[in-house]
N, C-alpha and C. Protein backbone atom coordinates (compact mmCIF):
# COMPACT_ATOMS: atom_id res chain seq x y z
N MET A 1 0.84 -1.18 0.00
CA MET A 1 0.00 0.00 0.00
C MET A 1 0.89 1.25 0.00
N ASN A 2 0.43 2.24 -0.70
CA ASN A 2 1.20 3.48 -0.70
C ASN A 2 0.77 4.37 0.47
N ASN A 3 1.52 5.43 0.69
CA ASN A 3 1.27 6.31 1.84
C ASN A 3 -0.09 6.99 1.78
N GLU A 4 -0.56 7.30 0.58
CA GLU A 4 -1.85 7.98 0.46
C GLU A 4 -2.99 7.08 0.91
N SER A 5 -2.94 5.82 0.55
CA SER A 5 -3.99 4.88 0.97
C SER A 5 -3.98 4.69 2.48
N ILE A 6 -2.79 4.59 3.05
CA ILE A 6 -2.68 4.39 4.49
C ILE A 6 -3.20 5.61 5.23
N SER A 7 -2.89 6.81 4.72
CA SER A 7 -3.35 8.02 5.40
C SER A 7 -4.86 8.17 5.32
N LYS A 8 -5.50 7.55 4.37
CA LYS A 8 -6.96 7.59 4.29
C LYS A 8 -7.60 6.51 5.16
N LEU A 9 -6.93 5.39 5.31
CA LEU A 9 -7.49 4.29 6.08
C LEU A 9 -7.42 4.53 7.58
N ILE A 10 -6.38 5.21 8.05
CA ILE A 10 -6.21 5.40 9.49
C ILE A 10 -7.38 6.16 10.11
N PRO A 11 -7.82 7.31 9.57
CA PRO A 11 -8.98 7.98 10.18
C PRO A 11 -10.26 7.16 10.11
N ILE A 12 -10.44 6.41 9.03
CA ILE A 12 -11.64 5.57 8.91
C ILE A 12 -11.66 4.50 9.99
N ILE A 13 -10.53 3.85 10.19
CA ILE A 13 -10.45 2.79 11.20
C ILE A 13 -10.67 3.36 12.59
N ILE A 14 -10.05 4.51 12.88
CA ILE A 14 -10.21 5.13 14.19
C ILE A 14 -11.66 5.54 14.43
N LEU A 15 -12.29 6.15 13.43
CA LEU A 15 -13.68 6.57 13.56
C LEU A 15 -14.60 5.38 13.82
N LEU A 16 -14.43 4.32 13.05
CA LEU A 16 -15.28 3.14 13.24
C LEU A 16 -15.04 2.49 14.60
N THR A 17 -13.79 2.38 15.00
CA THR A 17 -13.47 1.77 16.29
C THR A 17 -14.08 2.56 17.45
N LEU A 18 -13.89 3.86 17.45
CA LEU A 18 -14.43 4.68 18.53
C LEU A 18 -15.96 4.69 18.52
N GLY A 19 -16.56 4.68 17.35
CA GLY A 19 -18.02 4.64 17.26
C GLY A 19 -18.58 3.35 17.80
N ILE A 20 -17.94 2.25 17.49
CA ILE A 20 -18.40 0.95 17.99
C ILE A 20 -18.22 0.85 19.50
N ILE A 21 -17.07 1.33 20.00
CA ILE A 21 -16.84 1.31 21.45
C ILE A 21 -17.89 2.16 22.17
N GLU A 22 -18.16 3.34 21.62
CA GLU A 22 -19.15 4.22 22.25
C GLU A 22 -20.54 3.60 22.25
N SER A 23 -20.93 3.01 21.13
CA SER A 23 -22.28 2.46 21.07
C SER A 23 -22.43 1.22 21.94
N LEU A 24 -21.43 0.35 21.95
CA LEU A 24 -21.51 -0.84 22.80
C LEU A 24 -21.38 -0.49 24.28
N GLY A 25 -20.48 0.43 24.59
CA GLY A 25 -20.31 0.84 25.98
C GLY A 25 -21.56 1.49 26.53
N GLY A 26 -22.18 2.34 25.75
CA GLY A 26 -23.41 2.98 26.19
C GLY A 26 -24.56 1.99 26.29
N LEU A 27 -24.56 1.00 25.42
CA LEU A 27 -25.66 0.02 25.42
C LEU A 27 -25.58 -0.90 26.64
N TYR A 28 -24.38 -1.35 26.99
CA TYR A 28 -24.26 -2.36 28.03
C TYR A 28 -23.96 -1.79 29.41
N PHE A 29 -23.51 -0.54 29.50
CA PHE A 29 -23.16 0.02 30.80
C PHE A 29 -24.13 1.09 31.27
N ASN A 30 -25.11 1.43 30.47
CA ASN A 30 -26.12 2.41 30.86
C ASN A 30 -27.48 1.73 30.77
N ASP A 31 -28.14 1.52 31.90
CA ASP A 31 -29.38 0.75 31.94
C ASP A 31 -30.55 1.46 31.27
N LYS A 32 -30.48 2.77 31.11
CA LYS A 32 -31.61 3.51 30.55
C LYS A 32 -31.69 3.40 29.04
N ARG A 33 -30.66 2.90 28.39
CA ARG A 33 -30.66 2.82 26.94
C ARG A 33 -31.25 1.50 26.47
N THR A 34 -31.82 1.54 25.28
CA THR A 34 -32.41 0.33 24.70
C THR A 34 -31.59 -0.11 23.49
N LYS A 35 -31.95 -1.25 22.94
CA LYS A 35 -31.25 -1.72 21.74
C LYS A 35 -31.55 -0.86 20.53
N ASN A 36 -32.68 -0.15 20.56
CA ASN A 36 -32.97 0.78 19.47
C ASN A 36 -31.95 1.91 19.42
N ASP A 37 -31.41 2.29 20.58
CA ASP A 37 -30.38 3.32 20.62
C ASP A 37 -29.13 2.87 19.86
N LEU A 38 -28.80 1.59 19.97
CA LEU A 38 -27.65 1.06 19.23
C LEU A 38 -27.89 1.18 17.73
N THR A 39 -29.09 0.87 17.29
CA THR A 39 -29.42 0.98 15.87
C THR A 39 -29.31 2.42 15.40
N ILE A 40 -29.82 3.34 16.18
CA ILE A 40 -29.76 4.75 15.81
C ILE A 40 -28.32 5.23 15.73
N GLU A 41 -27.49 4.82 16.69
CA GLU A 41 -26.09 5.24 16.68
C GLU A 41 -25.34 4.67 15.49
N LEU A 42 -25.59 3.42 15.15
CA LEU A 42 -24.90 2.82 14.00
C LEU A 42 -25.33 3.47 12.69
N ILE A 43 -26.61 3.79 12.57
CA ILE A 43 -27.09 4.48 11.37
C ILE A 43 -26.46 5.87 11.28
N SER A 44 -26.41 6.57 12.41
CA SER A 44 -25.81 7.90 12.41
C SER A 44 -24.33 7.83 12.08
N LEU A 45 -23.66 6.80 12.55
CA LEU A 45 -22.24 6.63 12.27
C LEU A 45 -21.98 6.41 10.79
N THR A 46 -22.89 5.76 10.10
CA THR A 46 -22.69 5.50 8.67
C THR A 46 -23.21 6.63 7.78
N VAL A 47 -24.22 7.36 8.25
CA VAL A 47 -24.79 8.43 7.42
C VAL A 47 -23.82 9.59 7.23
N LEU A 48 -23.09 9.96 8.28
CA LEU A 48 -22.20 11.11 8.18
C LEU A 48 -21.15 10.94 7.09
N PRO A 49 -20.35 9.88 7.09
CA PRO A 49 -19.32 9.79 6.05
C PRO A 49 -19.84 9.39 4.67
N THR A 50 -21.00 8.75 4.61
CA THR A 50 -21.47 8.28 3.30
C THR A 50 -22.41 9.24 2.59
N LEU A 51 -23.15 10.05 3.34
CA LEU A 51 -24.12 10.95 2.71
C LEU A 51 -23.83 12.42 2.96
N ILE A 52 -23.64 12.80 4.20
CA ILE A 52 -23.54 14.22 4.54
C ILE A 52 -22.24 14.83 4.05
N GLN A 53 -21.11 14.21 4.33
CA GLN A 53 -19.84 14.78 3.90
C GLN A 53 -19.71 14.86 2.38
N PRO A 54 -20.08 13.84 1.61
CA PRO A 54 -20.04 14.00 0.15
C PRO A 54 -21.00 15.07 -0.36
N ALA A 55 -22.16 15.21 0.29
CA ALA A 55 -23.10 16.24 -0.12
C ALA A 55 -22.52 17.63 0.10
N ILE A 56 -21.84 17.83 1.22
CA ILE A 56 -21.19 19.11 1.47
C ILE A 56 -20.11 19.37 0.43
N LEU A 57 -19.32 18.37 0.13
CA LEU A 57 -18.27 18.51 -0.87
C LEU A 57 -18.84 18.87 -2.24
N LEU A 58 -19.89 18.19 -2.66
CA LEU A 58 -20.51 18.50 -3.95
C LEU A 58 -21.12 19.89 -3.97
N PHE A 59 -21.71 20.30 -2.86
CA PHE A 59 -22.28 21.64 -2.77
C PHE A 59 -21.19 22.70 -2.89
N VAL A 60 -20.08 22.50 -2.20
CA VAL A 60 -18.97 23.45 -2.27
C VAL A 60 -18.39 23.49 -3.67
N LEU A 61 -18.21 22.35 -4.29
CA LEU A 61 -17.68 22.32 -5.66
C LEU A 61 -18.64 23.01 -6.63
N PHE A 62 -19.93 22.83 -6.44
CA PHE A 62 -20.92 23.48 -7.28
C PHE A 62 -20.87 25.00 -7.12
N ILE A 63 -20.78 25.45 -5.87
CA ILE A 63 -20.71 26.90 -5.60
C ILE A 63 -19.41 27.47 -6.17
N MET A 64 -18.31 26.75 -6.02
CA MET A 64 -17.03 27.25 -6.55
C MET A 64 -17.06 27.31 -8.06
N ASP A 65 -17.77 26.40 -8.69
CA ASP A 65 -17.85 26.39 -10.15
C ASP A 65 -18.67 27.59 -10.66
N MET A 66 -19.64 28.02 -9.86
CA MET A 66 -20.45 29.18 -10.27
C MET A 66 -19.65 30.47 -10.18
N TRP A 67 -18.68 30.57 -9.29
CA TRP A 67 -17.92 31.81 -9.13
C TRP A 67 -16.67 31.64 -9.87
């Protein structure tokens, strides 16, 4: 693997690891949470990098192209 691929994989791995730790820790160590909370957290964890960030990038590129 080249350095560019590694530099892209490291933040992804860290984000996924911390998100999973947070969702599992909150699910099993906080009695007030339900399993639906785990589902919501996992969906939120995947929506940000797959939908929201690319949408922001496309919006910025579109605005920059107009000016």
